[in-house]
Amino acid sequence: TPMGNSWKKTNLVVTPTAAGSDLVIKIEATQNSVYCNEFVITYSKKEKSVSVNIGATGYATLYYSDRALVVPENVAAYTYKVTNGKLDESYLYTAGEIIPAATGVVLKAAAGEYTFAASQKAGKVDTDNLLKGSDEAALTTGGTVYYKLSLNKAGDANSVGFYYGSADGAAFTNGAHKAYLALPAASGVRAFLFNEGTITGIQNATANNAASQLY
């Protein structure tokens, strides 16, 4: 009962809501069993936006398990799948579309820093996506062989692709909020190179560990 009033009863009602939506708190006050007033307080959980720096190669990866993110202008976000034994682009999230939480993507854009706003909408989940990720630096899981976004051993700028992150495609330590490629079975392919919108698998590539800023 507030000071200076003769209200007999005050009810606090908390309305359950779906995950990620607003929490509604309703206060009902009565005086001598007569309804007096109602106050509704809405609390919105504001997720933090995410800033991503894309280097000179024009590629980077991204993964957040706890939030969906809106693709900013001039950025494309790709997922990948295997079609007839070959790696292929699976889904393209364009500017304004929502990357669902726990979805690994490869980003493509001109060099620069980009801000991904958090969204309370779920976004479209690509069930064929073979990209996985981690929120902290951790060993890769979820597949048989693992690849990271990198350059070739010489560090050539036009050699961007997925390379073994460790010998023979064994698990490696993935970076925080980065994505990696996890294939369900060994294919003998040591790298998948991006080249003018196509992906070429090669047998004898060696990743340049110094190029870790890509993944």
Protein backbone atom coordinates (compact mmCIF):
# COMPACT_ATOMS: atom_id res chain seq x y z
CA THR A 1 0.00 0.00 0.00
CA PRO A 2 1.62 3.34 -1.06
CA MET A 3 2.24 5.98 1.62
CA GLY A 4 -0.48 8.60 1.96
CA ASN A 5 -3.21 6.37 0.55
CA SER A 6 -5.77 4.12 2.16
CA TRP A 7 -5.60 1.37 -0.42
CA LYS A 8 -6.32 -1.99 1.16
CA LYS A 9 -4.77 -4.21 -1.47
CA THR A 10 -2.15 -4.07 -4.20
CA ASN A 11 -1.65 -7.00 -6.55
CA LEU A 12 1.50 -7.51 -8.56
CA VAL A 13 0.87 -9.62 -11.65
CA VAL A 14 3.76 -10.84 -13.79
CA THR A 15 2.68 -12.09 -17.20
CA PRO A 16 4.77 -14.96 -18.58
CA THR A 17 6.01 -14.34 -22.10
CA ALA A 18 7.83 -16.24 -24.80
CA ALA A 19 11.60 -16.26 -24.69
CA GLY A 20 13.06 -13.07 -26.12
CA SER A 21 9.82 -11.06 -25.91
CA ASP A 22 8.81 -8.27 -23.54
CA LEU A 23 8.12 -8.97 -19.88
CA VAL A 24 4.84 -7.32 -18.80
CA ILE A 25 4.32 -6.40 -15.13
CA LYS A 26 0.81 -5.27 -14.11
CA ILE A 27 0.05 -3.55 -10.80
CA GLU A 28 -3.61 -3.54 -9.70
CA ALA A 29 -4.63 -1.37 -6.75
CA THR A 30 -8.02 -1.43 -4.98
CA GLN A 31 -9.60 0.75 -2.28
CA ASN A 32 -12.40 -0.73 -0.18
CA SER A 33 -12.81 -3.45 -2.80
CA VAL A 34 -13.31 -0.78 -5.49
CA TYR A 35 -10.97 -0.80 -8.47
CA CYS A 36 -8.81 2.33 -8.40
CA ASN A 37 -6.03 2.16 -10.93
CA GLU A 38 -3.82 0.00 -13.05
CA PHE A 39 -0.19 0.52 -13.97
CA VAL A 40 1.49 -1.51 -16.67
CA ILE A 41 5.28 -1.59 -16.80
CA THR A 42 6.87 -3.17 -19.85
CA TYR A 43 10.45 -4.34 -19.63
CA SER A 44 12.29 -5.10 -22.84
CA LYS A 45 15.50 -7.08 -22.80
CA LYS A 46 17.86 -5.29 -25.15
CA GLU A 47 20.46 -7.59 -26.66
CA LYS A 48 23.74 -6.01 -27.61
CA SER A 49 24.59 -5.46 -31.24
CA VAL A 50 27.64 -7.16 -32.69
CA SER A 51 30.50 -5.48 -34.55
CA VAL A 52 32.45 -7.50 -37.11
CA ASN A 53 35.59 -6.43 -38.92
CA ILE A 54 35.98 -7.82 -42.43
CA GLY A 55 39.54 -7.65 -43.73
CA ALA A 56 41.01 -7.01 -47.15
CA THR A 57 40.07 -10.46 -48.47
CA GLY A 58 36.38 -9.57 -48.10
CA TYR A 59 35.48 -12.63 -46.01
CA ALA A 60 34.91 -13.47 -42.33
CA THR A 61 32.81 -15.90 -40.29
CA LEU A 62 30.26 -15.29 -37.54
CA TYR A 63 28.47 -17.35 -34.86
CA TYR A 64 26.39 -16.43 -31.80
CA SER A 65 24.39 -19.08 -29.96
CA ASP A 66 22.32 -16.69 -27.84
CA ARG A 67 20.97 -14.13 -30.29
CA ALA A 68 19.60 -13.66 -33.77
CA LEU A 69 21.31 -10.94 -35.81
CA VAL A 70 20.18 -8.65 -38.62
CA VAL A 71 22.41 -8.53 -41.69
CA PRO A 72 23.51 -4.92 -42.29
CA GLU A 73 23.59 -3.16 -45.65
CA ASN A 74 26.24 -4.25 -48.16
CA VAL A 75 26.87 -7.57 -46.40
CA ALA A 76 25.98 -11.09 -47.55
CA ALA A 77 25.91 -14.05 -45.16
CA TYR A 78 26.16 -17.58 -46.56
CA THR A 79 25.56 -21.07 -45.20
CA TYR A 80 27.01 -24.17 -46.87
CA LYS A 81 25.91 -27.72 -47.63
CA VAL A 82 27.14 -30.76 -49.53
CA THR A 83 25.43 -31.54 -52.85
CA ASN A 84 26.44 -34.68 -54.76
CA GLY A 85 29.63 -34.84 -52.75
CA LYS A 86 30.55 -31.21 -53.42
CA LEU A 87 30.43 -28.18 -51.15
CA ASP A 88 27.81 -25.69 -52.27
CA GLU A 89 26.20 -22.48 -51.07
CA SER A 90 23.06 -23.44 -49.17
CA TYR A 91 21.32 -20.20 -48.17
CA LEU A 92 22.03 -16.50 -48.59
CA TYR A 93 20.98 -14.02 -45.89
CA THR A 94 20.87 -10.57 -47.50
CA ALA A 95 20.67 -7.11 -45.93
CA GLY A 96 17.75 -6.86 -43.52
CA GLU A 97 17.33 -10.63 -43.16
CA ILE A 98 17.84 -12.32 -39.79
CA ILE A 99 20.57 -14.85 -39.09
CA PRO A 100 19.06 -17.23 -36.51
CA ALA A 101 20.81 -17.85 -33.21
CA ALA A 102 23.30 -20.74 -33.27
CA THR A 103 23.82 -20.41 -37.03
CA GLY A 104 27.32 -20.30 -38.46
CA VAL A 105 27.74 -18.12 -41.54
CA VAL A 106 30.44 -16.86 -43.89
CA LEU A 107 30.26 -13.10 -44.39
CA LYS A 108 31.19 -11.42 -47.65
CA ALA A 109 31.60 -7.65 -47.96
CA ALA A 110 34.05 -4.91 -48.75
CA ALA A 111 36.73 -4.43 -46.11
CA GLY A 112 35.43 -2.53 -43.09
CA GLU A 113 33.59 -2.78 -39.78
CA TYR A 114 29.92 -3.71 -39.78
CA THR A 115 27.30 -3.65 -37.03
CA PHE A 116 24.78 -6.49 -36.74
CA ALA A 117 21.76 -5.46 -34.69
CA ALA A 118 20.20 -8.07 -32.41
CA SER A 119 16.68 -9.19 -33.24
CA GLN A 120 13.89 -10.77 -31.20
CA LYS A 121 12.66 -12.50 -34.35
CA ALA A 122 13.90 -16.03 -34.96
CA GLY A 123 14.90 -15.87 -38.62
CA LYS A 124 14.91 -18.73 -41.14
CA VAL A 125 16.91 -21.77 -40.03
CA ASP A 126 18.86 -23.61 -42.76
CA THR A 127 18.72 -27.27 -41.73
CA ASP A 128 21.30 -28.20 -44.39
CA ASN A 129 23.93 -25.84 -43.03
CA LEU A 130 27.26 -27.57 -42.24
CA LEU A 131 28.79 -24.50 -40.60
CA LYS A 132 29.05 -24.70 -36.84
CA GLY A 133 30.62 -22.41 -34.25
CA SER A 134 31.40 -21.63 -30.64
CA ASP A 135 30.92 -18.66 -28.33
CA GLU A 136 34.33 -19.23 -26.77
CA ALA A 137 37.61 -20.59 -28.05
CA ALA A 138 36.93 -24.34 -28.13
CA LEU A 139 37.72 -27.53 -30.02
CA THR A 140 35.56 -28.13 -33.07
CA THR A 141 32.80 -30.72 -32.74
CA GLY A 142 29.83 -32.03 -34.68
CA GLY A 143 31.58 -33.68 -37.62
CA THR A 144 34.30 -36.02 -38.80
CA VAL A 145 36.65 -33.58 -40.57
CA TYR A 146 36.97 -29.87 -39.89
CA TYR A 147 37.94 -26.84 -41.97
CA LYS A 148 38.55 -23.19 -41.16
CA LEU A 149 38.28 -20.13 -43.36
CA SER A 150 41.81 -19.27 -44.37
CA LEU A 151 44.32 -18.53 -47.14
CA ASN A 152 46.78 -20.91 -48.78
CA LYS A 153 50.27 -21.49 -47.41
CA ALA A 154 51.64 -18.56 -49.42
CA GLY A 155 48.94 -16.23 -48.09
CA ASP A 156 47.71 -15.29 -51.57
CA ALA A 157 44.81 -12.86 -51.29
CA ASN A 158 42.75 -14.71 -53.92
CA SER A 159 43.09 -18.10 -52.22
CA VAL A 160 40.30 -17.69 -49.66
CA GLY A 161 38.58 -20.95 -48.81
CA PHE A 162 38.00 -23.65 -46.24
CA TYR A 163 41.23 -25.43 -45.33
CA TYR A 164 42.05 -28.16 -42.84
CA GLY A 165 42.46 -26.42 -39.49
CA SER A 166 44.63 -29.28 -38.24
CA ALA A 167 46.48 -32.24 -39.74
CA ASP A 168 44.20 -34.56 -41.74
CA GLY A 169 41.15 -32.50 -40.81
CA ALA A 170 41.32 -33.32 -37.10
CA ALA A 171 39.64 -31.09 -34.54
CA PHE A 172 41.24 -27.68 -33.98
CA THR A 173 40.61 -24.77 -31.63
CA ASN A 174 37.98 -22.50 -33.10
CA GLY A 175 37.92 -18.81 -32.19
CA ALA A 176 35.22 -17.17 -30.09
CA HIS A 177 32.10 -16.34 -32.13
CA LYS A 178 33.67 -17.78 -35.27
CA ALA A 179 32.27 -20.45 -37.57
CA TYR A 180 33.92 -23.52 -39.08
CA LEU A 181 33.00 -26.19 -41.59
CA ALA A 182 32.26 -29.66 -40.17
CA LEU A 183 31.83 -32.44 -42.72
CA PRO A 184 30.05 -35.59 -41.57
CA ALA A 185 32.48 -37.91 -43.40
CA ALA A 186 36.01 -37.77 -44.73
CA SER A 187 36.20 -36.83 -48.42
CA GLY A 188 39.94 -36.65 -49.01
CA VAL A 189 39.56 -32.97 -49.95
CA ARG A 190 42.04 -30.83 -48.04
CA ALA A 191 40.55 -27.49 -49.06
CA PHE A 192 37.54 -25.88 -50.75
CA LEU A 193 38.51 -22.67 -52.56
CA PHE A 194 36.12 -19.80 -53.27
CA ASN A 195 36.50 -18.63 -56.85
CA GLU A 196 34.06 -16.30 -58.63
CA GLY A 197 31.06 -17.72 -56.84
CA THR A 198 32.10 -21.36 -57.27
CA ILE A 199 33.77 -23.70 -54.80
CA THR A 200 36.62 -25.91 -55.97
CA GLY A 201 37.82 -28.85 -53.89
CA ILE A 202 41.55 -29.60 -53.98
CA GLN A 203 43.59 -32.41 -52.54
CA ASN A 204 46.98 -30.92 -51.69
CA ALA A 205 46.47 -27.53 -50.04
CA THR A 206 47.98 -26.51 -46.71
CA ALA A 207 46.37 -23.77 -44.63
CA ASN A 208 48.45 -20.81 -43.60
CA ASN A 209 48.00 -20.59 -39.83
CA ALA A 210 49.09 -16.95 -39.90
CA ALA A 211 45.86 -16.14 -41.75
CA SER A 212 43.68 -16.88 -38.74
CA GLN A 213 42.09 -13.42 -38.89
CA LEU A 214 39.88 -14.74 -41.67
CA TYR A 215 37.95 -17.24 -39.63
